[in-house]
Amino acid sequence: MRFQPPYIVSKRNHITQAKRITGVVPNNDFTLTISFDNGEKRLYDMRPFLKKGTVFEPFMKPENFRRVYVDDTHCIAWDIDPSIDSAKVWNNKVDLCPDGCYIDSIPVGGVSDV
């Protein structure tokens, strides 16, 4: 089981309780709308990461970017080759941690009732 820290420190040095990612929707402009366990939705801009020569290069293509999912550890993830099981071949997966996604994203609306 993966350790989930109970608190994170924001860019403004505020201590906050760690959030879990519950859903992700890829947007046409290479941003992600991320849902968290507190009902909050936030917008995460992936464009700065989508560069040639990086682990994110395959996801510069919109059809590959849209394959994003939330993995079993509540991280945002993509499989480099969708025909390979990333649970068995660990280096086939590229992921982003929930804390970084929360800190580096911006709110897109109020808290939902879901």
Foldseek 3Di string as FASTA:
>chain_A
DDDDDQWDAAPVRDIDGFWFWDWWAQDPQQWIFTATPQQFTWIGHCVVVQDPPHPNVLLVDVVQVRQWTQDPVRWIKGFCDVVDDCVVVVVRMDTDDRVCRVRRTGTDDDGDPD
